[in-house]
All heavy atoms as atom14 arrays in JSON, in Angstrom:
{
  "sequence": "QYFADKRDLYAFIADIGSQRVRAYIEQLILELDPSRPFFVFLTELLD",
  "atom14_mask": [
    [1, 1, 1, 1, 1, 1, 1, 1, 1, 0, 0, 0, 0, 0],
    [1, 1, 1, 1, 1, 1, 1, 1, 1, 1, 1, 1, 0, 0],
    [1, 1, 1, 1, 1, 1, 1, 1, 1, 1, 1, 0, 0, 0],
    [1, 1, 1, 1, 1, 0, 0, 0, 0, 0, 0, 0, 0, 0],
    [1, 1, 1, 1, 1, 1, 1, 1, 0, 0, 0, 0, 0, 0],
    [1, 1, 1, 1, 1, 1, 1, 1, 1, 0, 0, 0, 0, 0],
    [1, 1, 1, 1, 1, 1, 1, 1, 1, 1, 1, 0, 0, 0],
    [1, 1, 1, 1, 1, 1, 1, 1, 0, 0, 0, 0, 0, 0],
    [1, 1, 1, 1, 1, 1, 1, 1, 0, 0, 0, 0, 0, 0],
    [1, 1, 1, 1, 1, 1, 1, 1, 1, 1, 1, 1, 0, 0],
    [1, 1, 1, 1, 1, 0, 0, 0, 0, 0, 0, 0, 0, 0],
    [1, 1, 1, 1, 1, 1, 1, 1, 1, 1, 1, 0, 0, 0],
    [1, 1, 1, 1, 1, 1, 1, 1, 0, 0, 0, 0, 0, 0],
    [1, 1, 1, 1, 1, 0, 0, 0, 0, 0, 0, 0, 0, 0],
    [1, 1, 1, 1, 1, 1, 1, 1, 0, 0, 0, 0, 0, 0],
    [1, 1, 1, 1, 1, 1, 1, 1, 0, 0, 0, 0, 0, 0],
    [1, 1, 1, 1, 0, 0, 0, 0, 0, 0, 0, 0, 0, 0],
    [1, 1, 1, 1, 1, 1, 0, 0, 0, 0, 0, 0, 0, 0],
    [1, 1, 1, 1, 1, 1, 1, 1, 1, 0, 0, 0, 0, 0],
    [1, 1, 1, 1, 1, 1, 1, 1, 1, 1, 1, 0, 0, 0],
    [1, 1, 1, 1, 1, 1, 1, 0, 0, 0, 0, 0, 0, 0],
    [1, 1, 1, 1, 1, 1, 1, 1, 1, 1, 1, 0, 0, 0],
    [1, 1, 1, 1, 1, 0, 0, 0, 0, 0, 0, 0, 0, 0],
    [1, 1, 1, 1, 1, 1, 1, 1, 1, 1, 1, 1, 0, 0],
    [1, 1, 1, 1, 1, 1, 1, 1, 0, 0, 0, 0, 0, 0],
    [1, 1, 1, 1, 1, 1, 1, 1, 1, 0, 0, 0, 0, 0],
    [1, 1, 1, 1, 1, 1, 1, 1, 1, 0, 0, 0, 0, 0],
    [1, 1, 1, 1, 1, 1, 1, 1, 0, 0, 0, 0, 0, 0],
    [1, 1, 1, 1, 1, 1, 1, 1, 0, 0, 0, 0, 0, 0],
    [1, 1, 1, 1, 1, 1, 1, 1, 0, 0, 0, 0, 0, 0],
    [1, 1, 1, 1, 1, 1, 1, 1, 1, 0, 0, 0, 0, 0],
    [1, 1, 1, 1, 1, 1, 1, 1, 0, 0, 0, 0, 0, 0],
    [1, 1, 1, 1, 1, 1, 1, 1, 0, 0, 0, 0, 0, 0],
    [1, 1, 1, 1, 1, 1, 1, 0, 0, 0, 0, 0, 0, 0],
    [1, 1, 1, 1, 1, 1, 0, 0, 0, 0, 0, 0, 0, 0],
    [1, 1, 1, 1, 1, 1, 1, 1, 1, 1, 1, 0, 0, 0],
    [1, 1, 1, 1, 1, 1, 1, 0, 0, 0, 0, 0, 0, 0],
    [1, 1, 1, 1, 1, 1, 1, 1, 1, 1, 1, 0, 0, 0],
    [1, 1, 1, 1, 1, 1, 1, 1, 1, 1, 1, 0, 0, 0],
    [1, 1, 1, 1, 1, 1, 1, 0, 0, 0, 0, 0, 0, 0],
    [1, 1, 1, 1, 1, 1, 1, 1, 1, 1, 1, 0, 0, 0],
    [1, 1, 1, 1, 1, 1, 1, 1, 0, 0, 0, 0, 0, 0],
    [1, 1, 1, 1, 1, 1, 1, 0, 0, 0, 0, 0, 0, 0],
    [1, 1, 1, 1, 1, 1, 1, 1, 1, 0, 0, 0, 0, 0],
    [1, 1, 1, 1, 1, 1, 1, 1, 0, 0, 0, 0, 0, 0],
    [1, 1, 1, 1, 1, 1, 1, 1, 0, 0, 0, 0, 0, 0],
    [1, 1, 1, 1, 1, 1, 1, 1, 0, 0, 0, 0, 0, 0]
  ],
  "atom14_positions": [
    [[-85.57, -26.57, 58.82], [-84.69, -27.62, 58.31], [-84.99, -27.84, 56.84], [-84.12, -28.26, 56.08], [-84.81, -28.93, 59.02], [-84.33, -28.91, 60.47], [-84.52, -30.2, 61.18], [-85.01, -31.12, 60.64], [-84.2, -30.22, 62.49], [0.0, 0.0, 0.0], [0.0, 0.0, 0.0], [0.0, 0.0, 0.0], [0.0, 0.0, 0.0], [0.0, 0.0, 0.0]],
    [[-86.28, -27.52, 56.43], [-86.71, -27.68, 55.11], [-86.46, -26.49, 54.18], [-86.27, -26.59, 53.0], [-88.22, -28.03, 55.07], [-88.58, -29.18, 55.94], [-89.91, -29.23, 56.48], [-87.76, -30.18, 56.26], [-90.33, -30.31, 57.24], [-88.11, -31.25, 57.06], [-89.43, -31.24, 57.6], [-89.85, -32.42, 58.36], [0.0, 0.0, 0.0], [0.0, 0.0, 0.0]],
    [[-86.54, -25.25, 54.79], [-86.45, -23.99, 54.06], [-85.59, -22.97, 54.82], [-85.58, -23.05, 56.05], [-87.81, -23.45, 53.78], [-88.75, -24.35, 53.06], [-89.61, -25.18, 53.66], [-88.72, -24.32, 51.67], [-90.37, -26.09, 53.0], [-89.54, -25.19, 50.94], [-90.38, -26.05, 51.58], [0.0, 0.0, 0.0], [0.0, 0.0, 0.0], [0.0, 0.0, 0.0]],
    [[-84.99, -22.12, 54.12], [-84.05, -21.18, 54.71], [-84.76, -20.24, 55.67], [-84.26, -19.92, 56.75], [-83.28, -20.39, 53.65], [0.0, 0.0, 0.0], [0.0, 0.0, 0.0], [0.0, 0.0, 0.0], [0.0, 0.0, 0.0], [0.0, 0.0, 0.0], [0.0, 0.0, 0.0], [0.0, 0.0, 0.0], [0.0, 0.0, 0.0], [0.0, 0.0, 0.0]],
    [[-85.96, -19.81, 55.3], [-86.72, -18.89, 56.18], [-88.14, -18.88, 55.66], [-88.54, -19.6, 54.65], [-86.13, -17.47, 56.19], [-85.85, -16.92, 54.75], [-86.58, -17.35, 53.78], [-84.99, -16.11, 54.61], [0.0, 0.0, 0.0], [0.0, 0.0, 0.0], [0.0, 0.0, 0.0], [0.0, 0.0, 0.0], [0.0, 0.0, 0.0], [0.0, 0.0, 0.0]],
    [[-88.95, -18.06, 56.25], [-90.41, -17.98, 55.9], [-90.59, -17.55, 54.4], [-91.47, -18.04, 53.7], [-91.11, -16.96, 56.77], [-92.57, -16.79, 56.52], [-93.17, -15.74, 57.52], [-94.57, -15.41, 57.24], [-95.06, -14.37, 58.18], [0.0, 0.0, 0.0], [0.0, 0.0, 0.0], [0.0, 0.0, 0.0], [0.0, 0.0, 0.0], [0.0, 0.0, 0.0]],
    [[-89.78, -16.51, 53.93], [-89.89, -16.06, 52.64], [-89.56, -17.16, 51.61], [-90.14, -17.3, 50.57], [-88.96, -14.89, 52.38], [-89.28, -14.07, 51.1], [-88.51, -12.8, 51.06], [-87.12, -13.02, 50.98], [-86.19, -12.08, 51.11], [-86.59, -10.83, 51.37], [-84.91, -12.31, 50.95], [0.0, 0.0, 0.0], [0.0, 0.0, 0.0], [0.0, 0.0, 0.0]],
    [[-88.57, -18.04, 51.9], [-88.21, -19.06, 51.08], [-89.32, -20.08, 50.92], [-89.63, -20.59, 49.85], [-86.97, -19.8, 51.64], [-86.3, -20.73, 50.73], [-86.25, -20.41, 49.53], [-85.84, -21.78, 51.11], [0.0, 0.0, 0.0], [0.0, 0.0, 0.0], [0.0, 0.0, 0.0], [0.0, 0.0, 0.0], [0.0, 0.0, 0.0], [0.0, 0.0, 0.0]],
    [[-90.01, -20.39, 52.06], [-91.15, -21.26, 51.98], [-92.3, -20.64, 51.15], [-92.91, -21.29, 50.36], [-91.63, -21.54, 53.43], [-93.02, -22.25, 53.56], [-93.01, -23.68, 52.88], [-93.37, -22.44, 55.05], [0.0, 0.0, 0.0], [0.0, 0.0, 0.0], [0.0, 0.0, 0.0], [0.0, 0.0, 0.0], [0.0, 0.0, 0.0], [0.0, 0.0, 0.0]],
    [[-92.48, -19.34, 51.31], [-93.53, -18.68, 50.58], [-93.3, -18.72, 49.06], [-94.22, -18.97, 48.25], [-93.56, -17.23, 51.04], [-94.64, -16.32, 50.55], [-95.94, -16.76, 50.4], [-94.4, -14.99, 50.1], [-96.95, -16.01, 49.93], [-95.39, -14.19, 49.62], [-96.69, -14.7, 49.51], [-97.65, -13.87, 49.07], [0.0, 0.0, 0.0], [0.0, 0.0, 0.0]],
    [[-92.05, -18.49, 48.69], [-91.68, -18.5, 47.23], [-91.9, -19.88, 46.69], [-92.34, -20.12, 45.57], [-90.25, -18.08, 47.08], [0.0, 0.0, 0.0], [0.0, 0.0, 0.0], [0.0, 0.0, 0.0], [0.0, 0.0, 0.0], [0.0, 0.0, 0.0], [0.0, 0.0, 0.0], [0.0, 0.0, 0.0], [0.0, 0.0, 0.0], [0.0, 0.0, 0.0]],
    [[-91.56, -20.95, 47.5], [-91.72, -22.31, 47.06], [-93.19, -22.61, 46.85], [-93.6, -23.23, 45.85], [-91.08, -23.25, 48.14], [-91.33, -24.72, 47.88], [-90.64, -25.32, 46.81], [-92.24, -25.48, 48.62], [-90.84, -26.71, 46.5], [-92.46, -26.86, 48.32], [-91.73, -27.44, 47.32], [0.0, 0.0, 0.0], [0.0, 0.0, 0.0], [0.0, 0.0, 0.0]],
    [[-94.04, -22.2, 47.79], [-95.45, -22.45, 47.7], [-96.04, -21.72, 46.46], [-96.9, -22.23, 45.76], [-96.18, -22.0, 48.99], [-95.83, -22.87, 50.17], [-97.72, -21.99, 48.81], [-96.12, -24.36, 49.92], [0.0, 0.0, 0.0], [0.0, 0.0, 0.0], [0.0, 0.0, 0.0], [0.0, 0.0, 0.0], [0.0, 0.0, 0.0], [0.0, 0.0, 0.0]],
    [[-95.55, -20.47, 46.2], [-96.02, -19.75, 45.0], [-95.6, -20.56, 43.75], [-96.37, -20.61, 42.76], [-95.38, -18.42, 44.98], [0.0, 0.0, 0.0], [0.0, 0.0, 0.0], [0.0, 0.0, 0.0], [0.0, 0.0, 0.0], [0.0, 0.0, 0.0], [0.0, 0.0, 0.0], [0.0, 0.0, 0.0], [0.0, 0.0, 0.0], [0.0, 0.0, 0.0]],
    [[-94.45, -21.24, 43.76], [-93.95, -21.91, 42.59], [-94.92, -23.16, 42.45], [-95.27, -23.49, 41.25], [-92.55, -22.36, 42.84], [-91.85, -22.88, 41.56], [-92.26, -22.45, 40.43], [-91.0, -23.76, 41.62], [0.0, 0.0, 0.0], [0.0, 0.0, 0.0], [0.0, 0.0, 0.0], [0.0, 0.0, 0.0], [0.0, 0.0, 0.0], [0.0, 0.0, 0.0]],
    [[-95.21, -23.84, 43.51], [-96.04, -25.04, 43.39], [-97.41, -24.67, 42.75], [-97.88, -25.33, 41.87], [-96.25, -25.66, 44.77], [-94.93, -26.27, 45.35], [-97.38, -26.79, 44.74], [-94.46, -27.5, 44.58], [0.0, 0.0, 0.0], [0.0, 0.0, 0.0], [0.0, 0.0, 0.0], [0.0, 0.0, 0.0], [0.0, 0.0, 0.0], [0.0, 0.0, 0.0]],
    [[-97.98, -23.61, 43.35], [-99.3, -23.17, 42.81], [-99.22, -22.74, 41.35], [-100.11, -23.06, 40.55], [0.0, 0.0, 0.0], [0.0, 0.0, 0.0], [0.0, 0.0, 0.0], [0.0, 0.0, 0.0], [0.0, 0.0, 0.0], [0.0, 0.0, 0.0], [0.0, 0.0, 0.0], [0.0, 0.0, 0.0], [0.0, 0.0, 0.0], [0.0, 0.0, 0.0]],
    [[-98.13, -22.02, 40.99], [-97.96, -21.54, 39.62], [-97.81, -22.68, 38.63], [-98.22, -22.63, 37.51], [-96.75, -20.6, 39.56], [-97.02, -19.49, 40.29], [0.0, 0.0, 0.0], [0.0, 0.0, 0.0], [0.0, 0.0, 0.0], [0.0, 0.0, 0.0], [0.0, 0.0, 0.0], [0.0, 0.0, 0.0], [0.0, 0.0, 0.0], [0.0, 0.0, 0.0]],
    [[-97.15, -23.77, 39.18], [-96.95, -24.96, 38.28], [-98.31, -25.58, 37.92], [-98.5, -26.06, 36.78], [-95.98, -25.95, 38.93], [-94.55, -25.48, 38.89], [-93.71, -26.55, 39.63], [-93.92, -27.74, 39.55], [-92.74, -26.08, 40.34], [0.0, 0.0, 0.0], [0.0, 0.0, 0.0], [0.0, 0.0, 0.0], [0.0, 0.0, 0.0], [0.0, 0.0, 0.0]],
    [[-99.24, -25.65, 38.91], [-100.56, -26.23, 38.65], [-101.29, -25.37, 37.6], [-101.88, -25.88, 36.65], [-101.38, -26.25, 39.94], [-100.9, -27.3, 40.94], [-102.0, -27.61, 41.97], [-102.37, -26.44, 42.71], [-101.8, -26.07, 43.88], [-100.86, -26.86, 44.38], [-102.18, -25.04, 44.56], [0.0, 0.0, 0.0], [0.0, 0.0, 0.0], [0.0, 0.0, 0.0]],
    [[-101.27, -24.0, 37.84], [-101.92, -23.12, 36.83], [-101.29, -23.27, 35.45], [-101.97, -23.31, 34.43], [-101.89, -21.7, 37.33], [-102.52, -20.76, 36.29], [-102.61, -21.53, 38.69], [0.0, 0.0, 0.0], [0.0, 0.0, 0.0], [0.0, 0.0, 0.0], [0.0, 0.0, 0.0], [0.0, 0.0, 0.0], [0.0, 0.0, 0.0], [0.0, 0.0, 0.0]],
    [[-99.93, -23.31, 35.41], [-99.27, -23.41, 34.14], [-99.62, -24.69, 33.43], [-99.8, -24.69, 32.2], [-97.74, -23.31, 34.42], [-96.92, -23.43, 33.13], [-95.45, -23.16, 33.39], [-94.66, -23.47, 32.17], [-93.31, -23.18, 32.1], [-92.74, -22.57, 33.1], [-92.79, -23.42, 31.0], [0.0, 0.0, 0.0], [0.0, 0.0, 0.0], [0.0, 0.0, 0.0]],
    [[-99.63, -25.81, 34.15], [-100.01, -27.07, 33.47], [-101.38, -27.0, 32.88], [-101.63, -27.52, 31.8], [-99.98, -28.19, 34.53], [0.0, 0.0, 0.0], [0.0, 0.0, 0.0], [0.0, 0.0, 0.0], [0.0, 0.0, 0.0], [0.0, 0.0, 0.0], [0.0, 0.0, 0.0], [0.0, 0.0, 0.0], [0.0, 0.0, 0.0], [0.0, 0.0, 0.0]],
    [[-102.38, -26.35, 33.56], [-103.69, -26.17, 33.01], [-103.65, -25.33, 31.75], [-104.2, -25.67, 30.74], [-104.59, -25.59, 34.08], [-105.89, -25.01, 33.46], [-106.96, -25.87, 33.08], [-105.96, -23.69, 33.16], [-108.08, -25.33, 32.52], [-107.13, -23.06, 32.6], [-108.17, -23.97, 32.26], [-109.29, -23.46, 31.69], [0.0, 0.0, 0.0], [0.0, 0.0, 0.0]],
    [[-102.96, -24.2, 31.9], [-103.02, -23.24, 30.71], [-102.27, -23.76, 29.49], [-102.7, -23.53, 28.38], [-102.44, -21.85, 31.18], [-103.05, -20.77, 30.38], [-100.96, -21.84, 31.14], [-104.52, -20.5, 30.63], [0.0, 0.0, 0.0], [0.0, 0.0, 0.0], [0.0, 0.0, 0.0], [0.0, 0.0, 0.0], [0.0, 0.0, 0.0], [0.0, 0.0, 0.0]],
    [[-101.2, -24.48, 29.69], [-100.5, -25.1, 28.6], [-101.37, -26.11, 27.89], [-101.32, -26.23, 26.61], [-99.14, -25.72, 29.03], [-98.08, -24.61, 29.41], [-96.87, -25.21, 29.83], [-96.81, -26.32, 30.44], [-95.79, -24.55, 29.63], [0.0, 0.0, 0.0], [0.0, 0.0, 0.0], [0.0, 0.0, 0.0], [0.0, 0.0, 0.0], [0.0, 0.0, 0.0]],
    [[-102.09, -26.92, 28.63], [-103.01, -27.9, 28.02], [-104.1, -27.17, 27.25], [-104.52, -27.53, 26.14], [-103.57, -28.84, 29.05], [-104.52, -29.96, 28.48], [-103.88, -30.78, 27.38], [-102.74, -31.13, 27.56], [-104.62, -31.06, 26.37], [0.0, 0.0, 0.0], [0.0, 0.0, 0.0], [0.0, 0.0, 0.0], [0.0, 0.0, 0.0], [0.0, 0.0, 0.0]],
    [[-104.65, -26.12, 27.87], [-105.71, -25.33, 27.24], [-105.24, -24.72, 25.99], [-105.97, -24.65, 24.97], [-106.12, -24.24, 28.22], [-107.26, -23.32, 27.75], [-108.51, -24.07, 27.49], [-107.5, -22.21, 28.78], [0.0, 0.0, 0.0], [0.0, 0.0, 0.0], [0.0, 0.0, 0.0], [0.0, 0.0, 0.0], [0.0, 0.0, 0.0], [0.0, 0.0, 0.0]],
    [[-104.02, -24.18, 25.99], [-103.47, -23.54, 24.76], [-103.52, -24.56, 23.61], [-103.93, -24.19, 22.45], [-102.06, -23.02, 24.98], [-102.17, -21.75, 25.86], [-101.31, -22.78, 23.72], [-100.74, -21.31, 26.39], [0.0, 0.0, 0.0], [0.0, 0.0, 0.0], [0.0, 0.0, 0.0], [0.0, 0.0, 0.0], [0.0, 0.0, 0.0], [0.0, 0.0, 0.0]],
    [[-103.12, -25.76, 23.89], [-103.11, -26.77, 22.8], [-104.47, -27.1, 22.32], [-104.79, -27.17, 21.13], [-102.52, -28.12, 23.36], [-101.0, -28.06, 23.67], [-100.53, -29.33, 24.25], [-100.17, -27.66, 22.43], [0.0, 0.0, 0.0], [0.0, 0.0, 0.0], [0.0, 0.0, 0.0], [0.0, 0.0, 0.0], [0.0, 0.0, 0.0], [0.0, 0.0, 0.0]],
    [[-105.48, -27.1, 23.25], [-106.87, -27.35, 22.88], [-107.47, -26.22, 22.07], [-108.29, -26.42, 21.16], [-107.74, -27.63, 24.1], [-107.31, -28.9, 24.86], [-107.99, -29.02, 26.25], [-108.83, -28.15, 26.55], [-107.73, -30.01, 26.91], [0.0, 0.0, 0.0], [0.0, 0.0, 0.0], [0.0, 0.0, 0.0], [0.0, 0.0, 0.0], [0.0, 0.0, 0.0]],
    [[-107.11, -25.01, 22.41], [-107.68, -23.84, 21.72], [-106.98, -23.54, 20.39], [-107.5, -22.68, 19.57], [-107.56, -22.54, 22.57], [-108.39, -22.56, 23.82], [-108.14, -21.32, 24.67], [-109.88, -22.6, 23.51], [0.0, 0.0, 0.0], [0.0, 0.0, 0.0], [0.0, 0.0, 0.0], [0.0, 0.0, 0.0], [0.0, 0.0, 0.0], [0.0, 0.0, 0.0]],
    [[-105.85, -24.18, 20.09], [-105.06, -23.99, 18.86], [-104.46, -22.61, 18.7], [-105.09, -21.72, 18.18], [-105.96, -24.27, 17.62], [-105.18, -24.27, 16.34], [-103.97, -24.09, 16.42], [-105.83, -24.27, 15.25], [0.0, 0.0, 0.0], [0.0, 0.0, 0.0], [0.0, 0.0, 0.0], [0.0, 0.0, 0.0], [0.0, 0.0, 0.0], [0.0, 0.0, 0.0]],
    [[-103.31, -22.47, 19.27], [-102.62, -21.18, 19.24], [-102.2, -20.68, 17.86], [-101.69, -19.58, 17.7], [-101.43, -21.32, 20.21], [-101.1, -22.78, 19.99], [-102.39, -23.5, 19.82], [0.0, 0.0, 0.0], [0.0, 0.0, 0.0], [0.0, 0.0, 0.0], [0.0, 0.0, 0.0], [0.0, 0.0, 0.0], [0.0, 0.0, 0.0], [0.0, 0.0, 0.0]],
    [[-102.38, -21.47, 16.82], [-101.98, -21.1, 15.46], [-103.05, -20.19, 14.83], [-102.89, -19.62, 13.69], [-101.76, -22.27, 14.56], [-102.96, -23.04, 14.33], [0.0, 0.0, 0.0], [0.0, 0.0, 0.0], [0.0, 0.0, 0.0], [0.0, 0.0, 0.0], [0.0, 0.0, 0.0], [0.0, 0.0, 0.0], [0.0, 0.0, 0.0], [0.0, 0.0, 0.0]],
    [[-104.27, -20.08, 15.49], [-105.29, -19.15, 14.99], [-104.88, -17.75, 15.15], [-103.89, -17.42, 15.87], [-106.57, -19.47, 15.7], [-107.15, -20.87, 15.39], [-108.51, -21.04, 16.08], [-108.33, -20.89, 17.53], [-109.25, -20.26, 18.29], [-110.33, -19.76, 17.74], [-109.03, -20.22, 19.58], [0.0, 0.0, 0.0], [0.0, 0.0, 0.0], [0.0, 0.0, 0.0]],
    [[-105.61, -16.78, 14.52], [-105.24, -15.36, 14.69], [-105.1, -15.05, 16.22], [-106.0, -15.39, 16.98], [-106.43, -14.61, 14.08], [-106.92, -15.58, 13.03], [-106.73, -16.97, 13.56], [0.0, 0.0, 0.0], [0.0, 0.0, 0.0], [0.0, 0.0, 0.0], [0.0, 0.0, 0.0], [0.0, 0.0, 0.0], [0.0, 0.0, 0.0], [0.0, 0.0, 0.0]],
    [[-104.02, -14.29, 16.52], [-103.58, -14.15, 17.89], [-104.65, -13.56, 18.8], [-104.92, -14.04, 19.87], [-102.36, -13.22, 17.88], [-101.85, -12.95, 19.26], [-101.25, -13.99, 20.1], [-101.96, -11.71, 19.91], [-100.77, -13.75, 21.32], [-101.6, -11.49, 21.19], [-100.93, -12.48, 21.9], [0.0, 0.0, 0.0], [0.0, 0.0, 0.0], [0.0, 0.0, 0.0]],
    [[-105.33, -12.51, 18.39], [-106.26, -11.78, 19.29], [-107.59, -12.55, 19.43], [-108.23, -12.43, 20.46], [-106.47, -10.37, 18.82], [-105.21, -9.57, 19.01], [-104.42, -9.22, 17.87], [-104.86, -9.14, 20.3], [-103.28, -8.51, 18.12], [-103.7, -8.37, 20.46], [-102.89, -8.11, 19.32], [0.0, 0.0, 0.0], [0.0, 0.0, 0.0], [0.0, 0.0, 0.0]],
    [[-108.02, -13.33, 18.4], [-109.11, -14.26, 18.57], [-108.77, -15.31, 19.6], [-109.51, -15.65, 20.53], [-109.54, -14.86, 17.23], [-110.66, -15.88, 17.41], [-109.96, -13.78, 16.2], [0.0, 0.0, 0.0], [0.0, 0.0, 0.0], [0.0, 0.0, 0.0], [0.0, 0.0, 0.0], [0.0, 0.0, 0.0], [0.0, 0.0, 0.0], [0.0, 0.0, 0.0]],
    [[-107.59, -15.9, 19.43], [-107.15, -16.92, 20.38], [-107.02, -16.36, 21.78], [-107.43, -17.05, 22.74], [-105.76, -17.52, 19.83], [-104.96, -18.23, 20.89], [-105.34, -19.53, 21.27], [-103.94, -17.62, 21.59], [-104.6, -20.23, 22.24], [-103.22, -18.28, 22.54], [-103.59, -19.61, 22.9], [0.0, 0.0, 0.0], [0.0, 0.0, 0.0], [0.0, 0.0, 0.0]],
    [[-106.37, -15.19, 21.94], [-106.25, -14.53, 23.22], [-107.54, -14.37, 23.92], [-107.67, -14.53, 25.16], [-105.48, -13.24, 23.06], [-105.19, -12.48, 24.37], [-104.33, -13.27, 25.3], [-104.56, -11.11, 24.03], [0.0, 0.0, 0.0], [0.0, 0.0, 0.0], [0.0, 0.0, 0.0], [0.0, 0.0, 0.0], [0.0, 0.0, 0.0], [0.0, 0.0, 0.0]],
    [[-108.58, -14.04, 23.21], [-109.86, -13.73, 23.74], [-110.42, -15.03, 24.43], [-110.88, -15.02, 25.56], [-110.9, -13.28, 22.71], [-110.41, -12.05, 22.18], [-112.21, -13.01, 23.26], [0.0, 0.0, 0.0], [0.0, 0.0, 0.0], [0.0, 0.0, 0.0], [0.0, 0.0, 0.0], [0.0, 0.0, 0.0], [0.0, 0.0, 0.0], [0.0, 0.0, 0.0]],
    [[-110.38, -16.08, 23.76], [-110.86, -17.4, 24.26], [-109.95, -17.93, 25.39], [-110.43, -18.51, 26.31], [-110.92, -18.42, 23.11], [-111.92, -18.07, 22.05], [-112.12, -19.21, 21.03], [-111.76, -20.38, 21.39], [-112.62, -18.94, 19.97], [0.0, 0.0, 0.0], [0.0, 0.0, 0.0], [0.0, 0.0, 0.0], [0.0, 0.0, 0.0], [0.0, 0.0, 0.0]],
    [[-108.66, -17.63, 25.28], [-107.74, -18.06, 26.42], [-108.1, -17.28, 27.66], [-108.16, -17.8, 28.75], [-106.28, -17.73, 25.99], [-105.23, -18.18, 26.96], [-105.19, -19.61, 27.15], [-103.9, -17.64, 26.55], [0.0, 0.0, 0.0], [0.0, 0.0, 0.0], [0.0, 0.0, 0.0], [0.0, 0.0, 0.0], [0.0, 0.0, 0.0], [0.0, 0.0, 0.0]],
    [[-108.34, -16.0, 27.56], [-108.71, -15.2, 28.74], [-110.1, -15.51, 29.26], [-110.37, -15.53, 30.44], [-108.71, -13.73, 28.43], [-107.25, -13.08, 28.3], [-107.26, -11.69, 27.69], [-106.51, -13.15, 29.65], [0.0, 0.0, 0.0], [0.0, 0.0, 0.0], [0.0, 0.0, 0.0], [0.0, 0.0, 0.0], [0.0, 0.0, 0.0], [0.0, 0.0, 0.0]],
    [[-111.05, -15.9, 28.42], [-112.29, -16.45, 28.88], [-112.18, -17.63, 29.74], [-112.7, -17.73, 30.85], [-113.27, -16.83, 27.69], [-113.94, -15.63, 27.04], [-114.05, -14.56, 27.67], [-114.36, -15.77, 25.85], [0.0, 0.0, 0.0], [0.0, 0.0, 0.0], [0.0, 0.0, 0.0], [0.0, 0.0, 0.0], [0.0, 0.0, 0.0], [0.0, 0.0, 0.0]]
  ]
}
């Protein structure tokens, strides 16, 4: 009644988890200052 099928539930759960990760990474990007040289910034982001 909540989801069309198992795959629909699975995609929804993936979206929920991805939103948590995205919220963290977007805040982190601001803290690391994305205006710095791209590959220096990318290194710290991946760390």
